[in-house]
Amino acid sequence: MLRNGLEPWHLLIVAIMIIVLFGSKKLPEAARGLGKSMRILKSEAKAMKEDGTAQSTAAPAEPAAQDVQVAPGEPAARGTA
């Protein structure tokens, strides 16, 4: 049945349907928004990659001491005075 999958005329029909549904005025705005989103995604992915490299080369930091507050009427936790 579907030997060739998408042929050029299929893509043409899809393009015509998109233009009819969304209108020619909104398509440039949608493309601009998509491009902006892709740039943001690319820059965030690059920042995460650089951040991961910087953390793996840096010396591991010692964990910060956590202050535990006991509610009034609760018994004090072990190791506290």
PDB file of N, CA and C in Angstrom:
ATOM      1  N   MET A   1       0.807  -1.193   0.000  1.00  0.00           N
ATOM      2  CA  MET A   1       0.000   0.000   0.000  1.00  0.00           C
ATOM      3  C   MET A   1       0.856   1.266   0.000  1.00  0.00           C
ATOM      4  N   LEU A   2       1.580   1.482   1.104  1.00  0.00           N
ATOM      5  CA  LEU A   2       2.421   2.684   1.213  1.00  0.00           C
ATOM      6  C   LEU A   2       3.868   2.309   0.930  1.00  0.00           C
ATOM      7  N   ARG A   3       4.194   2.165  -0.314  1.00  0.00           N
ATOM      8  CA  ARG A   3       5.555   1.776  -0.675  1.00  0.00           C
ATOM      9  C   ARG A   3       6.519   2.959  -0.615  1.00  0.00           C
ATOM     10  N   ASN A   4       6.084   4.097  -1.104  1.00  0.00           N
ATOM     11  CA  ASN A   4       6.983   5.240  -1.216  1.00  0.00           C
ATOM     12  C   ASN A   4       6.866   6.227  -0.064  1.00  0.00           C
ATOM     13  N   GLY A   5       5.901   6.082   0.804  1.00  0.00           N
ATOM     14  CA  GLY A   5       5.737   7.026   1.907  1.00  0.00           C
ATOM     15  C   GLY A   5       5.318   8.386   1.413  1.00  0.00           C
ATOM     16  N   LEU A   6       6.129   9.402   1.701  1.00  0.00           N
ATOM     17  CA  LEU A   6       5.804  10.765   1.273  1.00  0.00           C
ATOM     18  C   LEU A   6       6.435  11.064  -0.080  1.00  0.00           C
ATOM     19  N   GLU A   7       5.615  11.457  -0.993  1.00  0.00           N
ATOM     20  CA  GLU A   7       6.094  11.885  -2.304  1.00  0.00           C
ATOM     21  C   GLU A   7       5.973  13.406  -2.368  1.00  0.00           C
ATOM     22  N   PRO A   8       6.605  14.038  -3.339  1.00  0.00           N
ATOM     23  CA  PRO A   8       6.558  15.508  -3.418  1.00  0.00           C
ATOM     24  C   PRO A   8       5.146  16.078  -3.454  1.00  0.00           C
ATOM     25  N   TRP A   9       4.226  15.422  -4.124  1.00  0.00           N
ATOM     26  CA  TRP A   9       2.874  15.967  -4.198  1.00  0.00           C
ATOM     27  C   TRP A   9       2.167  15.884  -2.852  1.00  0.00           C
ATOM     28  N   HIS A  10       2.560  14.933  -2.001  1.00  0.00           N
ATOM     29  CA  HIS A  10       2.005  14.882  -0.643  1.00  0.00           C
ATOM     30  C   HIS A  10       2.416  16.134   0.142  1.00  0.00           C
ATOM     31  N   LEU A  11       3.681  16.481   0.030  1.00  0.00           N
ATOM     32  CA  LEU A  11       4.185  17.669   0.732  1.00  0.00           C
ATOM     33  C   LEU A  11       3.517  18.937   0.214  1.00  0.00           C
ATOM     34  N   LEU A  12       3.246  18.990  -1.082  1.00  0.00           N
ATOM     35  CA  LEU A  12       2.564  20.141  -1.670  1.00  0.00           C
ATOM     36  C   LEU A  12       1.151  20.279  -1.103  1.00  0.00           C
ATOM     37  N   ILE A  13       0.446  19.173  -0.979  1.00  0.00           N
ATOM     38  CA  ILE A  13      -0.907  19.202  -0.417  1.00  0.00           C
ATOM     39  C   ILE A  13      -0.873  19.645   1.044  1.00  0.00           C
ATOM     40  N   VAL A  14       0.103  19.140   1.801  1.00  0.00           N
ATOM     41  CA  VAL A  14       0.229  19.537   3.204  1.00  0.00           C
ATOM     42  C   VAL A  14       0.513  21.033   3.311  1.00  0.00           C
ATOM     43  N   ALA A  15       1.402  21.563   2.458  1.00  0.00           N
ATOM     44  CA  ALA A  15       1.730  22.990   2.480  1.00  0.00           C
ATOM     45  C   ALA A  15       0.501  23.834   2.144  1.00  0.00           C
ATOM     46  N   ILE A  16      -0.274  23.416   1.169  1.00  0.00           N
ATOM     47  CA  ILE A  16      -1.481  24.154   0.795  1.00  0.00           C
ATOM     48  C   ILE A  16      -2.483  24.149   1.942  1.00  0.00           C
ATOM     49  N   MET A  17      -2.651  23.004   2.595  1.00  0.00           N
ATOM     50  CA  MET A  17      -3.589  22.908   3.720  1.00  0.00           C
ATOM     51  C   MET A  17      -3.151  23.809   4.882  1.00  0.00           C
ATOM     52  N   ILE A  18      -1.854  23.882   5.156  1.00  0.00           N
ATOM     53  CA  ILE A  18      -1.363  24.754   6.229  1.00  0.00           C
ATOM     54  C   ILE A  18      -1.646  26.213   5.905  1.00  0.00           C
ATOM     55  N   ILE A  19      -1.416  26.598   4.654  1.00  0.00           N
ATOM     56  CA  ILE A  19      -1.684  27.982   4.246  1.00  0.00           C
ATOM     57  C   ILE A  19      -3.170  28.290   4.355  1.00  0.00           C
ATOM     58  N   VAL A  20      -4.018  27.362   3.943  1.00  0.00           N
ATOM     59  CA  VAL A  20      -5.468  27.578   4.015  1.00  0.00           C
ATOM     60  C   VAL A  20      -5.925  27.668   5.464  1.00  0.00           C
ATOM     61  N   LEU A  21      -5.427  26.780   6.329  1.00  0.00           N
ATOM     62  CA  LEU A  21      -5.867  26.754   7.730  1.00  0.00           C
ATOM     63  C   LEU A  21      -5.398  27.974   8.523  1.00  0.00           C
ATOM     64  N   PHE A  22      -4.135  28.316   8.382  1.00  0.00           N
ATOM     65  CA  PHE A  22      -3.570  29.381   9.222  1.00  0.00           C
ATOM     66  C   PHE A  22      -3.539  30.736   8.546  1.00  0.00           C
ATOM     67  N   GLY A  23      -3.646  30.785   7.256  1.00  0.00           N
ATOM     68  CA  GLY A  23      -3.620  32.058   6.544  1.00  0.00           C
ATOM     69  C   GLY A  23      -2.198  32.514   6.292  1.00  0.00           C
ATOM     70  N   SER A  24      -2.023  33.263   5.230  1.00  0.00           N
ATOM     71  CA  SER A  24      -0.677  33.688   4.849  1.00  0.00           C
ATOM     72  C   SER A  24      -0.131  34.783   5.764  1.00  0.00           C
ATOM     73  N   LYS A  25      -1.003  35.466   6.513  1.00  0.00           N
ATOM     74  CA  LYS A  25      -0.537  36.528   7.397  1.00  0.00           C
ATOM     75  C   LYS A  25       0.110  35.976   8.665  1.00  0.00           C
ATOM     76  N   LYS A  26      -0.359  34.851   9.162  1.00  0.00           N
ATOM     77  CA  LYS A  26       0.144  34.302  10.417  1.00  0.00           C
ATOM     78  C   LYS A  26       1.359  33.404  10.236  1.00  0.00           C
ATOM     79  N   LEU A  27       1.618  32.929   9.032  1.00  0.00           N
ATOM     80  CA  LEU A  27       2.736  32.017   8.824  1.00  0.00           C
ATOM     81  C   LEU A  27       4.093  32.655   9.115  1.00  0.00           C
ATOM     82  N   PRO A  28       4.389  33.877   8.639  1.00  0.00           N
ATOM     83  CA  PRO A  28       5.691  34.469   8.979  1.00  0.00           C
ATOM     84  C   PRO A  28       5.866  34.669  10.486  1.00  0.00           C
ATOM     85  N   GLU A  29       4.794  35.041  11.166  1.00  0.00           N
ATOM     86  CA  GLU A  29       4.855  35.213  12.618  1.00  0.00           C
ATOM     87  C   GLU A  29       5.136  33.882  13.312  1.00  0.00           C
ATOM     88  N   ALA A  30       4.493  32.824  12.856  1.00  0.00           N
ATOM     89  CA  ALA A  30       4.712  31.494  13.426  1.00  0.00           C
ATOM     90  C   ALA A  30       6.142  31.025  13.164  1.00  0.00           C
ATOM     91  N   ALA A  31       6.649  31.268  11.962  1.00  0.00           N
ATOM     92  CA  ALA A  31       8.019  30.875  11.627  1.00  0.00           C
ATOM     93  C   ALA A  31       9.021  31.651  12.467  1.00  0.00           C
ATOM     94  N   ARG A  32       8.752  32.932  12.697  1.00  0.00           N
ATOM     95  CA  ARG A  32       9.628  33.748  13.530  1.00  0.00           C
ATOM     96  C   ARG A  32       9.658  33.216  14.960  1.00  0.00           C
ATOM     97  N   GLY A  33       8.495  32.883  15.475  1.00  0.00           N
ATOM     98  CA  GLY A  33       8.415  32.338  16.829  1.00  0.00           C
ATOM     99  C   GLY A  33       9.121  31.001  16.944  1.00  0.00           C
ATOM    100  N   LEU A  34       8.983  30.159  15.919  1.00  0.00           N
ATOM    101  CA  LEU A  34       9.657  28.869  15.921  1.00  0.00           C
ATOM    102  C   LEU A  34      11.173  29.052  15.880  1.00  0.00           C
ATOM    103  N   GLY A  35      11.633  29.972  15.067  1.00  0.00           N
ATOM    104  CA  GLY A  35      13.075  30.240  14.989  1.00  0.00           C
ATOM    105  C   GLY A  35      13.620  30.754  16.303  1.00  0.00           C
ATOM    106  N   LYS A  36      12.885  31.636  16.949  1.00  0.00           N
ATOM    107  CA  LYS A  36      13.297  32.174  18.242  1.00  0.00           C
ATOM    108  C   LYS A  36      13.378  31.061  19.290  1.00  0.00           C
ATOM    109  N   SER A  37      12.388  30.187  19.287  1.00  0.00           N
ATOM    110  CA  SER A  37      12.373  29.065  20.231  1.00  0.00           C
ATOM    111  C   SER A  37      13.550  28.134  19.990  1.00  0.00           C
ATOM    112  N   MET A  38      13.863  27.883  18.733  1.00  0.00           N
ATOM    113  CA  MET A  38      14.994  27.009  18.414  1.00  0.00           C
ATOM    114  C   MET A  38      16.314  27.626  18.857  1.00  0.00           C
ATOM    115  N   ARG A  39      16.465  28.942  18.702  1.00  0.00           N
ATOM    116  CA  ARG A  39      17.693  29.614  19.160  1.00  0.00           C
ATOM    117  C   ARG A  39      17.828  29.516  20.671  1.00  0.00           C
ATOM    118  N   ILE A  40      16.724  29.716  21.388  1.00  0.00           N
ATOM    119  CA  ILE A  40      16.751  29.624  22.846  1.00  0.00           C
ATOM    120  C   ILE A  40      17.109  28.208  23.273  1.00  0.00           C
ATOM    121  N   LEU A  41      16.494  27.217  22.651  1.00  0.00           N
ATOM    122  CA  LEU A  41      16.777  25.821  22.984  1.00  0.00           C
ATOM    123  C   LEU A  41      18.244  25.491  22.731  1.00  0.00           C
ATOM    124  N   LYS A  42      18.768  25.957  21.615  1.00  0.00           N
ATOM    125  CA  LYS A  42      20.165  25.688  21.271  1.00  0.00           C
ATOM    126  C   LYS A  42      21.112  26.337  22.275  1.00  0.00           C
ATOM    127  N   SER A  43      20.836  27.580  22.666  1.00  0.00           N
ATOM    128  CA  SER A  43      21.719  28.259  23.617  1.00  0.00           C
ATOM    129  C   SER A  43      21.636  27.622  25.000  1.00  0.00           C
ATOM    130  N   GLU A  44      20.435  27.186  25.413  1.00  0.00           N
ATOM    131  CA  GLU A  44      20.301  26.520  26.712  1.00  0.00           C
ATOM    132  C   GLU A  44      21.018  25.176  26.723  1.00  0.00           C
ATOM    133  N   ALA A  45      20.916  24.428  25.629  1.00  0.00           N
ATOM    134  CA  ALA A  45      21.600  23.139  25.543  1.00  0.00           C
ATOM    135  C   ALA A  45      23.113  23.337  25.590  1.00  0.00           C
ATOM    136  N   LYS A  46      23.597  24.371  24.923  1.00  0.00           N
ATOM    137  CA  LYS A  46      25.034  24.665  24.926  1.00  0.00           C
ATOM    138  C   LYS A  46      25.497  25.071  26.323  1.00  0.00           C
ATOM    139  N   ALA A  47      24.687  25.876  27.014  1.00  0.00           N
ATOM    140  CA  ALA A  47      25.030  26.303  28.370  1.00  0.00           C
ATOM    141  C   ALA A  47      25.057  25.116  29.329  1.00  0.00           C
ATOM    142  N   MET A  48      24.088  24.213  29.184  1.00  0.00           N
ATOM    143  CA  MET A  48      24.070  23.025  30.042  1.00  0.00           C
ATOM    144  C   MET A  48      25.286  22.146  29.785  1.00  0.00           C
ATOM    145  N   LYS A  49      25.675  22.021  28.528  1.00  0.00           N
ATOM    146  CA  LYS A  49      26.830  21.212  28.173  1.00  0.00           C
ATOM    147  C   LYS A  49      28.102  21.819  28.753  1.00  0.00           C
ATOM    148  N   GLU A  50      28.248  23.147  28.633  1.00  0.00           N
ATOM    149  CA  GLU A  50      29.420  23.825  29.192  1.00  0.00           C
ATOM    150  C   GLU A  50      29.422  23.751  30.711  1.00  0.00           C
ATOM    151  N   ASP A  51      28.256  23.879  31.331  1.00  0.00           N
ATOM    152  CA  ASP A  51      28.144  23.821  32.782  1.00  0.00           C
ATOM    153  C   ASP A  51      28.526  22.435  33.292  1.00  0.00           C
ATOM    154  N   GLY A  52      28.113  21.403  32.596  1.00  0.00           N
ATOM    155  CA  GLY A  52      28.456  20.039  32.983  1.00  0.00           C
ATOM    156  C   GLY A  52      29.953  19.795  32.879  1.00  0.00           C
ATOM    157  N   THR A  53      30.594  20.348  31.856  1.00  0.00           N
ATOM    158  CA  THR A  53      32.037  20.212  31.695  1.00  0.00           C
ATOM    159  C   THR A  53      32.761  20.965  32.789  1.00  0.00           C
ATOM    160  N   ALA A  54      32.290  22.154  33.139  1.00  0.00           N
ATOM    161  CA  ALA A  54      32.938  22.956  34.178  1.00  0.00           C
ATOM    162  C   ALA A  54      32.808  22.282  35.539  1.00  0.00           C
ATOM    163  N   GLN A  55      31.680  21.669  35.824  1.00  0.00           N
ATOM    164  CA  GLN A  55      31.491  21.010  37.109  1.00  0.00           C
ATOM    165  C   GLN A  55      32.337  19.754  37.212  1.00  0.00           C
ATOM    166  N   SER A  56      32.504  19.014  36.134  1.00  0.00           N
ATOM    167  CA  SER A  56      33.264  17.775  36.204  1.00  0.00           C
ATOM    168  C   SER A  56      34.757  18.043  36.367  1.00  0.00           C
ATOM    169  N   THR A  57      35.254  19.190  35.895  1.00  0.00           N
ATOM    170  CA  THR A  57      36.673  19.491  36.035  1.00  0.00           C
ATOM    171  C   THR A  57      36.981  20.177  37.354  1.00  0.00           C
ATOM    172  N   ALA A  58      36.014  20.814  37.977  1.00  0.00           N
ATOM    173  CA  ALA A  58      36.239  21.509  39.250  1.00  0.00           C
ATOM    174  C   ALA A  58      36.293  20.489  40.382  1.00  0.00           C
ATOM    175  N   ALA A  59      36.984  20.882  41.468  1.00  0.00           N
ATOM    176  CA  ALA A  59      37.054  20.013  42.639  1.00  0.00           C
ATOM    177  C   ALA A  59      35.684  19.943  43.286  1.00  0.00           C
ATOM    178  N   PRO A  60      35.295  18.775  43.756  1.00  0.00           N
ATOM    179  CA  PRO A  60      33.984  18.682  44.389  1.00  0.00           C
ATOM    180  C   PRO A  60      33.942  19.486  45.683  1.00  0.00           C
ATOM    181  N   ALA A  61      32.885  20.246  45.842  1.00  0.00           N
ATOM    182  CA  ALA A  61      32.736  21.087  47.027  1.00  0.00           C
ATOM    183  C   ALA A  61      32.226  20.241  48.187  1.00  0.00           C
ATOM    184  N   GLU A  62      32.608  20.652  49.402  1.00  0.00           N
ATOM    185  CA  GLU A  62      32.116  19.943  50.578  1.00  0.00           C
ATOM    186  C   GLU A  62      30.657  20.288  50.794  1.00  0.00           C
ATOM    187  N   PRO A  63      29.858  19.331  51.223  1.00  0.00           N
ATOM    188  CA  PRO A  63      28.449  19.635  51.454  1.00  0.00           C
ATOM    189  C   PRO A  63      28.295  20.621  52.605  1.00  0.00           C
ATOM    190  N   ALA A  64      27.380  21.545  52.439  1.00  0.00           N
ATOM    191  CA  ALA A  64      27.142  22.557  53.466  1.00  0.00           C
ATOM    192  C   ALA A  64      26.401  21.919  54.635  1.00  0.00           C
ATOM    193  N   ALA A  65      26.731  22.383  55.836  1.00  0.00           N
ATOM    194  CA  ALA A  65      26.044  21.874  57.027  1.00  0.00           C
ATOM    195  C   ALA A  65      24.609  22.374  57.016  1.00  0.00           C
ATOM    196  N   GLN A  66      23.677  21.506  57.338  1.00  0.00           N
ATOM    197  CA  GLN A  66      22.273  21.877  57.326  1.00  0.00           C
ATOM    198  C   GLN A  66      21.805  22.109  58.749  1.00  0.00           C
ATOM    199  N   ASP A  67      21.164  23.226  58.980  1.00  0.00           N
ATOM    200  CA  ASP A  67      20.590  23.525  60.283  1.00  0.00           C
ATOM    201  C   ASP A  67      19.204  22.916  60.344  1.00  0.00           C
ATOM    202  N   VAL A  68      18.981  22.142  61.398  1.00  0.00           N
ATOM    203  CA  VAL A  68      17.688  21.519  61.578  1.00  0.00           C
ATOM    204  C   VAL A  68      16.989  22.216  62.720  1.00  0.00           C
ATOM    205  N   GLN A  69      15.804  22.720  62.454  1.00  0.00           N
ATOM    206  CA  GLN A  69      15.044  23.391  63.499  1.00  0.00           C
ATOM    207  C   GLN A  69      14.004  22.425  64.040  1.00  0.00           C
ATOM    208  N   VAL A  70      13.933  22.371  65.358  1.00  0.00           N
ATOM    209  CA  VAL A  70      12.990  21.480  66.006  1.00  0.00           C
ATOM    210  C   VAL A  70      11.770  22.296  66.412  1.00  0.00           C
ATOM    211  N   ALA A  71      10.602  21.755  66.114  1.00  0.00           N
ATOM    212  CA  ALA A  71       9.367  22.435  66.463  1.00  0.00           C
ATOM    213  C   ALA A  71       9.184  22.407  67.984  1.00  0.00           C
ATOM    214  N   PRO A  72       8.525  23.409  68.549  1.00  0.00           N
ATOM    215  CA  PRO A  72       8.291  23.423  69.999  1.00  0.00           C
ATOM    216  C   PRO A  72       7.527  22.176  70.437  1.00  0.00           C
ATOM    217  N   GLY A  73       7.991  21.552  71.496  1.00  0.00           N
ATOM    218  CA  GLY A  73       7.346  20.363  72.012  1.00  0.00           C
ATOM    219  C   GLY A  73       7.877  19.076  71.412  1.00  0.00           C
ATOM    220  N   GLU A  74       8.702  19.170  70.380  1.00  0.00           N
ATOM    221  CA  GLU A  74       9.285  17.983  69.769  1.00  0.00           C
ATOM    222  C   GLU A  74      10.584  17.642  70.491  1.00  0.00           C
ATOM    223  N   PRO A  75      10.904  16.372  70.615  1.00  0.00           N
ATOM    224  CA  PRO A  75      12.190  16.006  71.235  1.00  0.00           C
ATOM    225  C   PRO A  75      13.330  16.402  70.312  1.00  0.00           C
ATOM    226  N   ALA A  76      14.453  16.772  70.906  1.00  0.00           N
ATOM    227  CA  ALA A  76      15.617  17.200  70.135  1.00  0.00           C
ATOM    228  C   ALA A  76      16.187  16.001  69.389  1.00  0.00           C
ATOM    229  N   ALA A  77      16.749  16.246  68.194  1.00  0.00           N
ATOM    230  CA  ALA A  77      17.348  15.194  67.405  1.00  0.00           C
ATOM    231  C   ALA A  77      18.652  14.741  68.031  1.00  0.00           C
ATOM    232  N   ARG A  78      19.095  13.543  67.689  1.00  0.00           N
ATOM    233  CA  ARG A  78      20.357  13.029  68.235  1.00  0.00           C
ATOM    234  C   ARG A  78      21.511  13.911  67.819  1.00  0.00           C
ATOM    235  N   GLY A  79      22.457  14.076  68.698  1.00  0.00           N
ATOM    236  CA  GLY A  79      23.642  14.852  68.397  1.00  0.00           C
ATOM    237  C   GLY A  79      23.506  16.320  68.643  1.00  0.00           C
ATOM    238  N   THR A  80      22.371  16.776  69.151  1.00  0.00           N
ATOM    239  CA  THR A  80      22.208  18.194  69.453  1.00  0.00           C
ATOM    240  C   THR A  80      22.133  18.368  70.955  1.00  0.00           C
ATOM    241  N   ALA A  81      22.497  19.516  71.435  1.00  0.00           N
ATOM    242  CA  ALA A  81      22.489  19.758  72.889  1.00  0.00           C
ATOM    243  C   ALA A  81      21.196  20.347  73.353  1.00  0.00           C
TER     244      ALA A  81
END
